[in-house]
C-alpha atoms as a PDB file:
ATOM      1  CA  MET A   1      35.434 -10.289  11.998  1.00  0.00           C
ATOM      2  CA  SER A   2      35.836  -7.576   9.391  1.00  0.00           C
ATOM      3  CA  ALA A   3      37.678  -4.967  12.379  1.00  0.00           C
ATOM      4  CA  ALA A   4      39.273  -7.369  14.259  1.00  0.00           C
ATOM      5  CA  HIS A   5      41.052  -9.027  11.275  1.00  0.00           C
ATOM      6  CA  PRO A   6      43.750  -6.771  10.859  1.00  0.00           C
ATOM      7  CA  TRP A   7      44.560  -6.388  14.684  1.00  0.00           C
ATOM      8  CA  SER A   8      45.022 -10.249  14.634  1.00  0.00           C
ATOM      9  CA  ILE A   9      47.947  -9.413  11.425  1.00  0.00           C
ATOM     10  CA  THR A  10      50.258  -7.401  14.317  1.00  0.00           C
ATOM     11  CA  LEU A  11      50.926 -10.387  16.150  1.00  0.00           C
ATOM     12  CA  GLU A  12      48.109  -9.895  18.857  1.00  0.00           C
ATOM     13  CA  SER A  13      46.423 -13.090  20.656  1.00  0.00           C
ATOM     14  CA  PRO A  14      42.557 -13.272  18.599  1.00  0.00           C
ATOM     15  CA  HIS A  15      41.262 -12.396  21.758  1.00  0.00           C
ATOM     16  CA  GLN A  16      42.839  -9.168  22.303  1.00  0.00           C
ATOM     17  CA  ALA A  17      42.687  -8.436  18.705  1.00  0.00           C
ATOM     18  CA  ALA A  18      38.344  -8.662  18.922  1.00  0.00           C
ATOM     19  CA  MET A  19      38.829  -6.526  22.555  1.00  0.00           C
ATOM     20  CA  ASP A  20      40.590  -3.746  20.087  1.00  0.00           C
ATOM     21  CA  ALA A  21      38.230  -4.066  17.213  1.00  0.00           C
ATOM     22  CA  MET A  22      34.809  -4.052  18.840  1.00  0.00           C
ATOM     23  CA  LYS A  23      36.373  -0.617  20.792  1.00  0.00           C
ATOM     24  CA  GLU A  24      36.097   0.871  17.642  1.00  0.00           C
ATOM     25  CA  VAL A  25      32.817  -0.428  16.027  1.00  0.00           C
ATOM     26  CA  PHE A  26      30.943   0.072  19.328  1.00  0.00           C
ATOM     27  CA  SER A  27      29.735   3.384  19.592  1.00  0.00           C
ATOM     28  CA  ALA A  28      29.029   2.901  16.259  1.00  0.00           C
ATOM     29  CA  VAL A  29      27.179  -0.068  16.176  1.00  0.00           C
ATOM     30  CA  ILE A  30      25.184   1.322  19.264  1.00  0.00           C
ATOM     31  CA  VAL A  31      24.847   4.875  17.001  1.00  0.00           C
ATOM     32  CA  ILE A  32      23.086   2.964  14.277  1.00  0.00           C
ATOM     33  CA  GLY A  33      20.822   0.553  16.214  1.00  0.00           C
ATOM     34  CA  ILE A  34      19.632   4.203  18.380  1.00  0.00           C
ATOM     35  CA  VAL A  35      19.227   5.773  15.155  1.00  0.00           C
ATOM     36  CA  LEU A  36      17.183   2.701  13.298  1.00  0.00           C
ATOM     37  CA  VAL A  37      15.151   2.919  16.365  1.00  0.00           C
ATOM     38  CA  ALA A  38      14.263   5.467  16.459  1.00  0.00           C
ATOM     39  CA  VAL A  39      13.219   6.053  12.999  1.00  0.00           C
ATOM     40  CA  PHE A  40      10.763   3.396  12.633  1.00  0.00           C
ATOM     41  CA  LEU A  41       9.564   2.990  16.140  1.00  0.00           C
ATOM     42  CA  PRO A  42       7.517   6.398  16.200  1.00  0.00           C
ATOM     43  CA  VAL A  43       5.579   4.514  13.284  1.00  0.00           C
ATOM     44  CA  ALA A  44       4.076   1.856  15.483  1.00  0.00           C
ATOM     45  CA  PHE A  45       2.442   4.570  17.025  1.00  0.00           C
ATOM     46  CA  PHE A  46       0.909   6.578  14.315  1.00  0.00           C
ATOM     47  CA  PRO A  47      -2.946   7.204  14.448  1.00  0.00           C
ATOM     48  CA  GLY A  48      -5.782   5.830  12.065  1.00  0.00           C
ATOM     49  CA  THR A  49      -5.417   3.452   9.664  1.00  0.00           C
ATOM     50  CA  THR A  50      -1.423   4.362   8.794  1.00  0.00           C
ATOM     51  CA  GLY A  51      -0.390   3.357  11.904  1.00  0.00           C
ATOM     52  CA  ARG A  52      -2.565  -0.325  10.891  1.00  0.00           C
ATOM     53  CA  MET A  53      -0.888  -0.687   8.476  1.00  0.00           C
ATOM     54  CA  TYR A  54       2.452   0.568   9.435  1.00  0.00           C
ATOM     55  CA  GLN A  55       2.355  -1.377  13.321  1.00  0.00           C
ATOM     56  CA  GLN A  56       3.558  -4.552  13.182  1.00  0.00           C
ATOM     57  CA  PHE A  57       6.015  -3.937  10.347  1.00  0.00           C
ATOM     58  CA  SER A  58       7.866  -1.333  13.137  1.00  0.00           C
ATOM     59  CA  MET A  59       7.467  -3.251  15.691  1.00  0.00           C
ATOM     60  CA  THR A  60       9.328  -6.408  13.713  1.00  0.00           C
ATOM     61  CA  ILE A  61      12.401  -3.656  12.305  1.00  0.00           C
ATOM     62  CA  THR A  62      12.761  -2.449  16.148  1.00  0.00           C
ATOM     63  CA  PHE A  63      13.032  -5.617  17.611  1.00  0.00           C
ATOM     64  CA  ALA A  64      15.365  -6.900  15.022  1.00  0.00           C
ATOM     65  CA  VAL A  65      17.240  -4.059  15.333  1.00  0.00           C
ATOM     66  CA  ILE A  66      17.837  -4.183  19.090  1.00  0.00           C
ATOM     67  CA  LEU A  67      18.686  -8.015  18.869  1.00  0.00           C
ATOM     68  CA  SER A  68      21.093  -7.354  15.603  1.00  0.00           C
ATOM     69  CA  VAL A  69      22.872  -4.567  17.823  1.00  0.00           C
ATOM     70  CA  PHE A  70      22.989  -6.934  20.980  1.00  0.00           C
ATOM     71  CA  ASN A  71      24.211  -9.751  18.734  1.00  0.00           C
ATOM     72  CA  ALA A  72      27.083  -7.429  17.542  1.00  0.00           C
ATOM     73  CA  VAL A  73      28.206  -6.600  20.781  1.00  0.00           C
ATOM     74  CA  THR A  74      28.236  -9.741  22.867  1.00  0.00           C
ATOM     75  CA  PHE A  75      28.006 -12.719  20.665  1.00  0.00           C
ATOM     76  CA  THR A  76      30.254 -11.830  17.217  1.00  0.00           C
ATOM     77  CA  PRO A  77      33.590 -10.272  19.181  1.00  0.00           C
ATOM     78  CA  ALA A  78      33.339 -13.843  21.023  1.00  0.00           C
ATOM     79  CA  LEU A  79      33.171 -15.514  17.697  1.00  0.00           C
ATOM     80  CA  ALA A  80      35.480 -13.414  15.857  1.00  0.00           C
ATOM     81  CA  ALA A  81      38.299 -14.042  18.577  1.00  0.00           C
ATOM     82  CA  LEU A  82      37.302 -18.013  18.084  1.00  0.00           C
ATOM     83  CA  LEU A  83      37.485 -18.264  13.946  1.00  0.00           C
ATOM     84  CA  LEU A  84      41.069 -15.891  14.553  1.00  0.00           C
ATOM     85  CA  GLU A  85      42.246 -18.516  16.411  1.00  0.00           C
ATOM     86  CA  LYS A  86      41.734 -21.128  13.785  1.00  0.00           C
ATOM     87  CA  GLU A  87      42.216 -18.943  10.982  1.00  0.00           C
ATOM     88  CA  SER A  88      45.074 -20.519   7.735  1.00  0.00           C
ATOM     89  CA  HIS A  89      46.793 -18.455   5.753  1.00  0.00           C
ATOM     90  CA  THR A  90      46.570 -20.541   3.339  1.00  0.00           C
ATOM     91  CA  HIS A  91      43.092 -21.002   1.356  1.00  0.00           C
ATOM     92  CA  GLY A  92      41.387 -22.739  -0.720  1.00  0.00           C
ATOM     93  CA  ARG A  93      40.810 -22.939  -4.825  1.00  0.00           C
ATOM     94  CA  PHE A  94      37.416 -22.148  -4.189  1.00  0.00           C
ATOM     95  CA  PHE A  95      38.226 -19.154  -1.457  1.00  0.00           C
ATOM     96  CA  THR A  96      41.094 -17.758  -3.404  1.00  0.00           C
ATOM     97  CA  GLY A  97      38.449 -17.483  -6.298  1.00  0.00           C
ATOM     98  CA  VAL A  98      36.143 -15.517  -4.708  1.00  0.00           C
ATOM     99  CA  ASN A  99      38.811 -13.744  -2.281  1.00  0.00           C
ATOM    100  CA  ARG A 100      39.940 -12.230  -6.091  1.00  0.00           C
ATOM    101  CA  VAL A 101      36.799 -11.525  -7.223  1.00  0.00           C
ATOM    102  CA  ILE A 102      36.067  -9.035  -4.288  1.00  0.00           C
ATOM    103  CA  ASP A 103      39.744  -7.503  -4.576  1.00  0.00           C
ATOM    104  CA  GLY A 104      38.644  -7.251  -8.654  1.00  0.00           C
ATOM    105  CA  GLY A 105      35.065  -5.276  -7.316  1.00  0.00           C
ATOM    106  CA  THR A 106      36.886  -3.140  -5.148  1.00  0.00           C
ATOM    107  CA  ASN A 107      39.563  -1.923  -7.564  1.00  0.00           C
ATOM    108  CA  SER A 108      37.451  -1.476 -10.099  1.00  0.00           C
ATOM    109  CA  TYR A 109      34.964   0.746  -7.829  1.00  0.00           C
ATOM    110  CA  VAL A 110      38.191   2.690  -6.676  1.00  0.00           C
ATOM    111  CA  ARG A 111      39.069   3.340 -10.364  1.00  0.00           C
ATOM    112  CA  LEU A 112      35.044   4.438 -11.352  1.00  0.00           C
ATOM    113  CA  LEU A 113      34.939   6.447  -8.455  1.00  0.00           C
ATOM    114  CA  GLY A 114      38.749   7.921  -9.318  1.00  0.00           C
ATOM    115  CA  GLY A 115      37.109   8.882 -12.683  1.00  0.00           C
ATOM    116  CA  ALA A 116      34.201  10.125 -11.335  1.00  0.00           C
ATOM    117  CA  LEU A 117      36.225  12.621  -9.613  1.00  0.00           C
ATOM    118  CA  ARG A 118      37.798  13.547 -12.847  1.00  0.00           C
ATOM    119  CA  TRP A 119      34.753  14.226 -15.023  1.00  0.00           C
ATOM    120  CA  LYS A 120      33.052  16.815 -12.125  1.00  0.00           C
ATOM    121  CA  TRP A 121      30.553  18.401 -14.736  1.00  0.00           C
ATOM    122  CA  VAL A 122      28.950  14.907 -16.310  1.00  0.00           C
ATOM    123  CA  MET A 123      28.442  13.603 -13.095  1.00  0.00           C
ATOM    124  CA  ALA A 124      26.536  16.989 -12.257  1.00  0.00           C
ATOM    125  CA  VAL A 125      24.650  16.553 -15.164  1.00  0.00           C
ATOM    126  CA  VAL A 126      24.068  12.836 -15.248  1.00  0.00           C
ATOM    127  CA  PHE A 127      22.499  13.816 -10.812  1.00  0.00           C
ATOM    128  CA  VAL A 128      20.400  16.565 -12.205  1.00  0.00           C
ATOM    129  CA  LEU A 129      18.754  13.886 -15.359  1.00  0.00           C
ATOM    130  CA  ALA A 130      18.239  11.566 -12.431  1.00  0.00           C
ATOM    131  CA  LEU A 131      16.480  13.710 -10.475  1.00  0.00           C
ATOM    132  CA  GLY A 132      14.549  14.092 -13.077  1.00  0.00           C
ATOM    133  CA  ALA A 133      13.483  10.951 -13.667  1.00  0.00           C
ATOM    134  CA  THR A 134      12.717  11.053 -10.075  1.00  0.00           C
ATOM    135  CA  TRP A 135      10.550  13.555 -10.451  1.00  0.00           C
ATOM    136  CA  TRP A 136       8.548  11.805 -13.396  1.00  0.00           C
ATOM    137  CA  VAL A 137       8.191   8.279 -11.873  1.00  0.00           C
ATOM    138  CA  TYR A 138       7.128  10.534  -8.664  1.00  0.00           C
ATOM    139  CA  ARG A 139       4.316  12.064 -10.943  1.00  0.00           C
ATOM    140  CA  ALA A 140       3.798   8.581 -12.880  1.00  0.00           C
ATOM    141  CA  VAL A 141       3.421   6.637  -9.719  1.00  0.00           C
ATOM    142  CA  PRO A 142      -0.327   6.303  -8.267  1.00  0.00           C
ATOM    143  CA  GLY A 143      -0.103   8.877  -5.654  1.00  0.00           C
ATOM    144  CA  SER A 144      -3.055   7.670  -3.417  1.00  0.00           C
ATOM    145  CA  PHE A 145      -3.056   6.240   0.179  1.00  0.00           C
ATOM    146  CA  VAL A 146      -3.643   2.908  -1.718  1.00  0.00           C
ATOM    147  CA  PRO A 147      -3.548   3.248  -5.295  1.00  0.00           C
ATOM    148  CA  ALA A 148      -6.875   0.929  -6.968  1.00  0.00           C
ATOM    149  CA  GLU A 149      -5.597  -1.931  -8.592  1.00  0.00           C
ATOM    150  CA  ASP A 150      -7.259  -4.732 -11.221  1.00  0.00           C
ATOM    151  CA  GLU A 151      -8.176  -7.066  -9.289  1.00  0.00           C
ATOM    152  CA  GLY A 152      -9.215  -9.322 -11.856  1.00  0.00           C
ATOM    153  CA  TYR A 153     -12.896  -8.942 -10.593  1.00  0.00           C
ATOM    154  CA  PHE A 154     -15.849  -5.949 -10.259  1.00  0.00           C
ATOM    155  CA  ILE A 155     -18.846  -5.450  -7.567  1.00  0.00           C
ATOM    156  CA  THR A 156     -21.916  -4.122  -8.359  1.00  0.00           C
ATOM    157  CA  ILE A 157     -24.380  -2.737  -5.924  1.00  0.00           C
ATOM    158  CA  VAL A 158     -27.928  -2.699  -6.691  1.00  0.00           C
ATOM    159  CA  GLN A 159     -30.569  -0.993  -4.380  1.00  0.00           C
ATOM    160  CA  ALA A 160     -34.603  -0.861  -6.062  1.00  0.00           C
ATOM    161  CA  PRO A 161     -37.389   1.134  -4.132  1.00  0.00           C
ATOM    162  CA  SER A 162     -37.851   0.097  -0.935  1.00  0.00           C
ATOM    163  CA  GLY A 163     -40.494  -1.983  -0.631  1.00  0.00           C
ATOM    164  CA  ALA A 164     -39.750  -3.755  -3.975  1.00  0.00           C
ATOM    165  CA  SER A 165     -40.227  -7.706  -3.879  1.00  0.00           C
ATOM    166  CA  LEU A 166     -37.280  -9.914  -4.373  1.00  0.00           C
ATOM    167  CA  GLU A 167     -38.181 -11.138  -8.102  1.00  0.00           C
ATOM    168  CA  TYR A 168     -38.448  -7.383  -9.137  1.00  0.00           C
ATOM    169  CA  THR A 169     -34.785  -6.745  -7.339  1.00  0.00           C
ATOM    170  CA  THR A 170     -33.813 -10.195  -9.429  1.00  0.00           C
ATOM    171  CA  ASN A 171     -35.107  -8.672 -12.597  1.00  0.00           C
ATOM    172  CA  ILE A 172     -33.036  -5.933 -12.182  1.00  0.00           C
ATOM    173  CA  MET A 173     -30.271  -8.138 -11.996  1.00  0.00           C
ATOM    174  CA  LYS A 174     -30.732  -9.915 -14.597  1.00  0.00           C
ATOM    175  CA  SER A 175     -30.799  -6.619 -16.999  1.00  0.00           C
ATOM    176  CA  VAL A 176     -27.816  -5.676 -15.764  1.00  0.00           C
ATOM    177  CA  GLU A 177     -26.436  -9.426 -16.749  1.00  0.00           C
ATOM    178  CA  GLU A 178     -27.675  -8.466 -20.384  1.00  0.00           C
ATOM    179  CA  ILE A 179     -25.558  -5.942 -20.398  1.00  0.00           C
ATOM    180  CA  TYR A 180     -22.625  -7.126 -18.718  1.00  0.00           C
ATOM    181  CA  GLY A 181     -22.699 -10.112 -21.327  1.00  0.00           C
ATOM    182  CA  LYS A 182     -21.679  -7.861 -24.044  1.00  0.00           C
ATOM    183  CA  GLN A 183     -18.446  -6.933 -22.581  1.00  0.00           C
ATOM    184  CA  PRO A 184     -15.666  -8.367 -23.805  1.00  0.00           C
ATOM    185  CA  GLU A 185     -14.186  -8.873 -21.205  1.00  0.00           C
ATOM    186  CA  MET A 186     -15.706 -10.449 -19.307  1.00  0.00           C
ATOM    187  CA  ALA A 187     -15.177 -14.290 -17.854  1.00  0.00           C
ATOM    188  CA  GLY A 188     -18.566 -14.792 -15.404  1.00  0.00           C
ATOM    189  CA  VAL A 189     -21.064 -12.598 -13.010  1.00  0.00           C
ATOM    190  CA  PHE A 190     -22.474 -14.247  -9.677  1.00  0.00           C
ATOM    191  CA  SER A 191     -25.505 -12.585  -8.575  1.00  0.00           C
ATOM    192  CA  VAL A 192     -27.130 -12.645  -5.202  1.00  0.00           C
ATOM    193  CA  ALA A 193     -30.414 -10.995  -4.391  1.00  0.00           C
ATOM    194  CA  GLY A 194     -32.094 -10.323  -1.393  1.00  0.00           C
ATOM    195  CA  PHE A 195     -28.609  -9.284   0.164  1.00  0.00           C
ATOM    196  CA  SER A 196     -26.045  -6.347  -0.068  1.00  0.00           C
ATOM    197  CA  PHE A 197     -23.564  -4.454   2.097  1.00  0.00           C
ATOM    198  CA  SER A 198     -25.976  -2.650   3.746  1.00  0.00           C
ATOM    199  CA  GLY A 199     -27.788  -5.782   4.930  1.00  0.00           C
ATOM    200  CA  ALA A 200     -30.669  -8.085   3.827  1.00  0.00           C
ATOM    201  CA  ALA A 201     -33.348  -6.826   2.390  1.00  0.00           C
ATOM    202  CA  SER A 202     -35.882  -7.883  -0.881  1.00  0.00           C
ATOM    203  CA  ASN A 203     -34.443  -4.208  -2.798  1.00  0.00           C
ATOM    204  CA  ASN A 204     -30.991  -5.682  -2.257  1.00  0.00           C
ATOM    205  CA  GLY A 205     -28.830  -6.910  -4.544  1.00  0.00           C
ATOM    206  CA  LEU A 206     -25.395  -7.925  -5.184  1.00  0.00           C
ATOM    207  CA  MET A 207     -23.318  -8.946  -7.870  1.00  0.00           C
ATOM    208  CA  PHE A 208     -20.023 -10.042  -8.219  1.00  0.00           C
ATOM    209  CA  SER A 209     -18.221 -10.146 -12.160  1.00  0.00           C
ATOM    210  CA  ARG A 210     -15.362 -11.920 -12.849  1.00  0.00           C
ATOM    211  CA  LEU A 211     -12.824 -10.542 -15.728  1.00  0.00           C
ATOM    212  CA  LYS A 212     -10.717 -13.191 -18.255  1.00  0.00           C
ATOM    213  CA  PRO A 213      -7.085 -13.500 -17.520  1.00  0.00           C
ATOM    214  CA  PHE A 214      -5.070 -10.802 -17.364  1.00  0.00           C
ATOM    215  CA  SER A 215      -2.746 -12.608 -20.803  1.00  0.00           C
ATOM    216  CA  GLU A 216      -6.552 -11.741 -22.663  1.00  0.00           C
ATOM    217  CA  ARG A 217      -7.371  -8.583 -21.704  1.00  0.00           C
ATOM    218  CA  GLN A 218      -4.251  -6.792 -22.718  1.00  0.00           C
ATOM    219  CA  GLY A 219      -3.796  -2.914 -23.114  1.00  0.00           C
ATOM    220  CA  LYS A 220      -5.497  -0.089 -21.040  1.00  0.00           C
ATOM    221  CA  GLU A 221      -8.519  -0.600 -22.846  1.00  0.00           C
ATOM    222  CA  HIS A 222      -9.250  -3.838 -21.144  1.00  0.00           C
ATOM    223  CA  SER A 223      -8.277  -3.121 -18.217  1.00  0.00           C
ATOM    224  CA  LEU A 224     -10.534  -3.060 -15.065  1.00  0.00           C
ATOM    225  CA  GLU A 225     -10.854   1.004 -14.943  1.00  0.00           C
ATOM    226  CA  ALA A 226     -11.991   0.694 -18.459  1.00  0.00           C
ATOM    227  CA  VAL A 227     -14.875  -1.723 -18.347  1.00  0.00           C
ATOM    228  CA  LEU A 228     -15.632   0.081 -14.903  1.00  0.00           C
ATOM    229  CA  GLY A 229     -16.007   3.143 -17.335  1.00  0.00           C
ATOM    230  CA  ARG A 230     -17.836   1.416 -20.545  1.00  0.00           C
ATOM    231  CA  VAL A 231     -20.265  -0.355 -17.775  1.00  0.00           C
ATOM    232  CA  ARG A 232     -21.442   2.790 -15.336  1.00  0.00           C
ATOM    233  CA  GLY A 233     -22.850   4.475 -18.057  1.00  0.00           C
ATOM    234  CA  GLN A 234     -25.076   1.586 -19.243  1.00  0.00           C
ATOM    235  CA  ALA A 235     -26.171   0.762 -15.128  1.00  0.00           C
ATOM    236  CA  PHE A 236     -26.587   4.078 -14.585  1.00  0.00           C
ATOM    237  CA  GLY A 237     -29.292   4.360 -17.247  1.00  0.00           C
ATOM    238  CA  ILE A 238     -30.988   1.251 -15.788  1.00  0.00           C
ATOM    239  CA  THR A 239     -34.585   2.707 -14.748  1.00  0.00           C
ATOM    240  CA  GLY A 240     -36.338   1.672 -11.399  1.00  0.00           C
ATOM    241  CA  ALA A 241     -33.296   0.591  -9.495  1.00  0.00           C
ATOM    242  CA  LEU A 242     -30.043   2.198  -8.006  1.00  0.00           C
ATOM    243  CA  VAL A 243     -27.312   0.140  -9.542  1.00  0.00           C
ATOM    244  CA  ILE A 244     -23.868   0.441  -9.010  1.00  0.00           C
ATOM    245  CA  PRO A 245     -20.340  -0.729 -10.676  1.00  0.00           C
ATOM    246  CA  VAL A 246     -17.724  -0.242  -8.588  1.00  0.00           C
ATOM    247  CA  ALA A 247     -13.783  -1.823  -7.743  1.00  0.00           C
ATOM    248  CA  PRO A 248     -12.785  -3.897  -5.056  1.00  0.00           C
ATOM    249  CA  PRO A 249     -10.878  -2.741  -2.169  1.00  0.00           C
ATOM    250  CA  PRO A 250      -7.148  -2.761  -3.059  1.00  0.00           C
ATOM    251  CA  ILE A 251      -6.093  -3.816   0.291  1.00  0.00           C
ATOM    252  CA  GLN A 252      -9.400  -6.099   1.746  1.00  0.00           C
ATOM    253  CA  GLY A 253     -10.218  -5.325   5.324  1.00  0.00           C
ATOM    254  CA  ILE A 254      -9.657  -1.231   4.821  1.00  0.00           C
ATOM    255  CA  SER A 255     -13.269  -0.814   3.300  1.00  0.00           C
ATOM    256  CA  THR A 256     -16.205  -2.319   1.478  1.00  0.00           C
ATOM    257  CA  PHE A 257     -15.051  -1.880  -2.089  1.00  0.00           C
ATOM    258  CA  GLY A 258     -13.230   0.398  -3.573  1.00  0.00           C
ATOM    259  CA  GLY A 259     -12.901   3.585  -2.722  1.00  0.00           C
ATOM    260  CA  PHE A 260     -13.938   5.393   1.039  1.00  0.00           C
ATOM    261  CA  GLN A 261     -16.676   5.088   3.300  1.00  0.00           C
ATOM    262  CA  PHE A 262     -17.593   9.338   4.647  1.00  0.00           C
ATOM    263  CA  GLU A 263     -20.328   8.990   7.614  1.00  0.00           C
ATOM    264  CA  VAL A 264     -22.487  11.651   8.575  1.00  0.00           C
ATOM    265  CA  LEU A 265     -24.369  11.180  11.609  1.00  0.00           C
ATOM    266  CA  ASP A 266     -26.670  13.692  13.580  1.00  0.00           C
ATOM    267  CA  LEU A 267     -25.291  14.038  17.364  1.00  0.00           C
ATOM    268  CA  GLY A 268     -28.478  16.101  17.734  1.00  0.00           C
ATOM    269  CA  GLY A 269     -31.494  13.894  17.401  1.00  0.00           C
ATOM    270  CA  GLY A 270     -33.250  15.749  14.687  1.00  0.00           C
ATOM    271  CA  ASP A 271     -34.842  15.434  11.478  1.00  0.00           C
ATOM    272  CA  ILE A 272     -33.993  12.970   8.902  1.00  0.00           C
ATOM    273  CA  ASN A 273     -34.745  15.581   6.351  1.00  0.00           C
ATOM    274  CA  GLN A 274     -32.537  17.851   7.839  1.00  0.00           C
ATOM    275  CA  LEU A 275     -29.880  15.318   8.196  1.00  0.00           C
ATOM    276  CA  ALA A 276     -30.140  14.435   4.111  1.00  0.00           C
ATOM    277  CA  SER A 277     -29.231  18.037   3.646  1.00  0.00           C
ATOM    278  CA  ILE A 278     -26.251  18.449   5.281  1.00  0.00           C
ATOM    279  CA  THR A 279     -25.326  15.392   3.888  1.00  0.00           C
ATOM    280  CA  ARG A 280     -25.983  16.789   0.638  1.00  0.00           C
ATOM    281  CA  ASP A 281     -23.859  20.199   2.029  1.00  0.00           C
ATOM    282  CA  VAL A 282     -21.103  18.444   2.294  1.00  0.00           C
ATOM    283  CA  ALA A 283     -20.935  16.495  -0.593  1.00  0.00           C
ATOM    284  CA  ALA A 284     -21.470  19.999  -2.739  1.00  0.00           C
ATOM    285  CA  ALA A 285     -19.121  21.436  -0.347  1.00  0.00           C
ATOM    286  CA  ASP A 286     -15.645  23.615  -1.343  1.00  0.00           C
ATOM    287  CA  GLY A 287     -12.281  20.924  -1.347  1.00  0.00           C
ATOM    288  CA  LEU A 288     -14.696  17.714  -2.539  1.00  0.00           C
ATOM    289  CA  ASP A 289     -15.449  18.130  -6.510  1.00  0.00           C
ATOM    290  CA  GLU A 290     -13.029  14.900  -6.722  1.00  0.00           C
ATOM    291  CA  TYR A 291     -15.590  13.646  -4.841  1.00  0.00           C
ATOM    292  CA  ARG A 292     -18.941  11.001  -5.945  1.00  0.00           C
ATOM    293  CA  LEU A 293     -21.926  10.659  -3.960  1.00  0.00           C
ATOM    294  CA  VAL A 294     -22.861   7.209  -4.698  1.00  0.00           C
ATOM    295  CA  PHE A 295     -25.642   6.004  -2.793  1.00  0.00           C
ATOM    296  CA  ASN A 296     -27.084   5.659   0.652  1.00  0.00           C
ATOM    297  CA  THR A 297     -26.948   2.963   3.045  1.00  0.00           C
ATOM    298  CA  GLY A 298     -28.954   4.311   5.204  1.00  0.00           C
ATOM    299  CA  ALA A 299     -31.105   7.013   5.453  1.00  0.00           C
ATOM    300  CA  ALA A 300     -32.470   6.401   9.182  1.00  0.00           C
ATOM    301  CA  ALA A 301     -28.729   5.154  10.582  1.00  0.00           C
ATOM    302  CA  GLY A 302     -27.259   9.059   8.780  1.00  0.00           C
ATOM    303  CA  GLN A 303     -24.784   6.841   6.966  1.00  0.00           C
ATOM    304  CA  THR A 304     -23.680   7.881   3.737  1.00  0.00           C
ATOM    305  CA  VAL A 305     -21.008   6.065   1.268  1.00  0.00           C
ATOM    306  CA  PHE A 306     -18.670   7.996  -0.607  1.00  0.00           C
ATOM    307  CA  HIS A 307     -16.854   6.366  -3.732  1.00  0.00           C
ATOM    308  CA  THR A 308     -13.639   7.798  -5.214  1.00  0.00           C
ATOM    309  CA  HIS A 309     -10.930   6.926  -7.114  1.00  0.00           C
ATOM    310  CA  LEU A 310      -8.708   9.748  -6.952  1.00  0.00           C
ATOM    311  CA  HIS A 311      -8.263  10.501  -2.827  1.00  0.00           C
ATOM    312  CA  VAL A 312      -8.851   8.856   0.359  1.00  0.00           C
ATOM    313  CA  LEU A 313      -9.254  11.901   3.165  1.00  0.00           C
ATOM    314  CA  ALA A 314      -8.268  10.900   6.915  1.00  0.00           C
ATOM    315  CA  GLY A 315     -11.004  10.036   9.025  1.00  0.00           C
ATOM    316  CA  ARG A 316     -11.881  12.914  11.961  1.00  0.00           C
ATOM    317  CA  ALA A 317     -14.849  14.083  13.594  1.00  0.00           C
ATOM    318  CA  MET A 318     -16.185  17.504  12.536  1.00  0.00           C
ATOM    319  CA  THR A 319     -19.091  19.785  12.811  1.00  0.00           C
ATOM    320  CA  TRP A 320     -21.006  21.520  10.215  1.00  0.00           C
ATOM    321  CA  PRO A 321     -21.521  24.478   9.264  1.00  0.00           C
ATOM    322  CA  PRO A 322     -17.274  24.228   9.520  1.00  0.00           C
ATOM    323  CA  GLY A 323     -16.092  27.244  12.057  1.00  0.00           C
END
């Protein structure tokens, strides 16, 4: 419509004005559509979790762009011709005021650009400061794949020795509840003995601890990370069982709890002790200093879970030792 209107002022017919306008903008519309599709469509084919997360988003944007381009080169010119046929050069008070506001904004923007061109060095300094602010924000914002967030609750995994009774596991969980009850941010604890993420067993337990609303625990010292930092040491100090408080996953479905899962699989069917030794070697390898081994969910299955708040490794198959 904006492109066809100047042509209609030259006393051309509305139909011809729309045709002439499309000759000017047709190639630009097509090129813009191709560029946007070329940017968003490949995202749908990304491998791993990233591809799954952004697949629907990329396909939605891609098809929206395609439909928009089709509409811009077909229906829009016809609609512009129809509107130009009924155009009236007299406007009411409302639209006259709207046009004045738009014209005023355009004139102000033009004057602002003129002033910026006259003060080039000032604009250069502002640009450098903006780059510095961008760098500061980049450093301040968490840079992991999915940064941990305060979900208002956390999960505690209790793993007693193999063969422990349900009563034994329940008593351990009661000791944990006493520790949690002393925290001022705690609102309640729900405990389930005999069940955990690794399956149902009398030596397993799962606890869900709910924190008070955010309005009642202002400040970093009352955040979920701070609470976990305080209770972890006390929970690890409980003898007779492995008690591990962990944050929930930032996005449900990506992992069982906060952090990520790392599985070690023995393809040769060797001895379980050898598998455990290799797993320890993987945990102690160079470059994995920031990863912390939490617990083994099933030594018989050769699965080992790592928990970290810092990084997420891309899933890939590898042999050990490397090289």
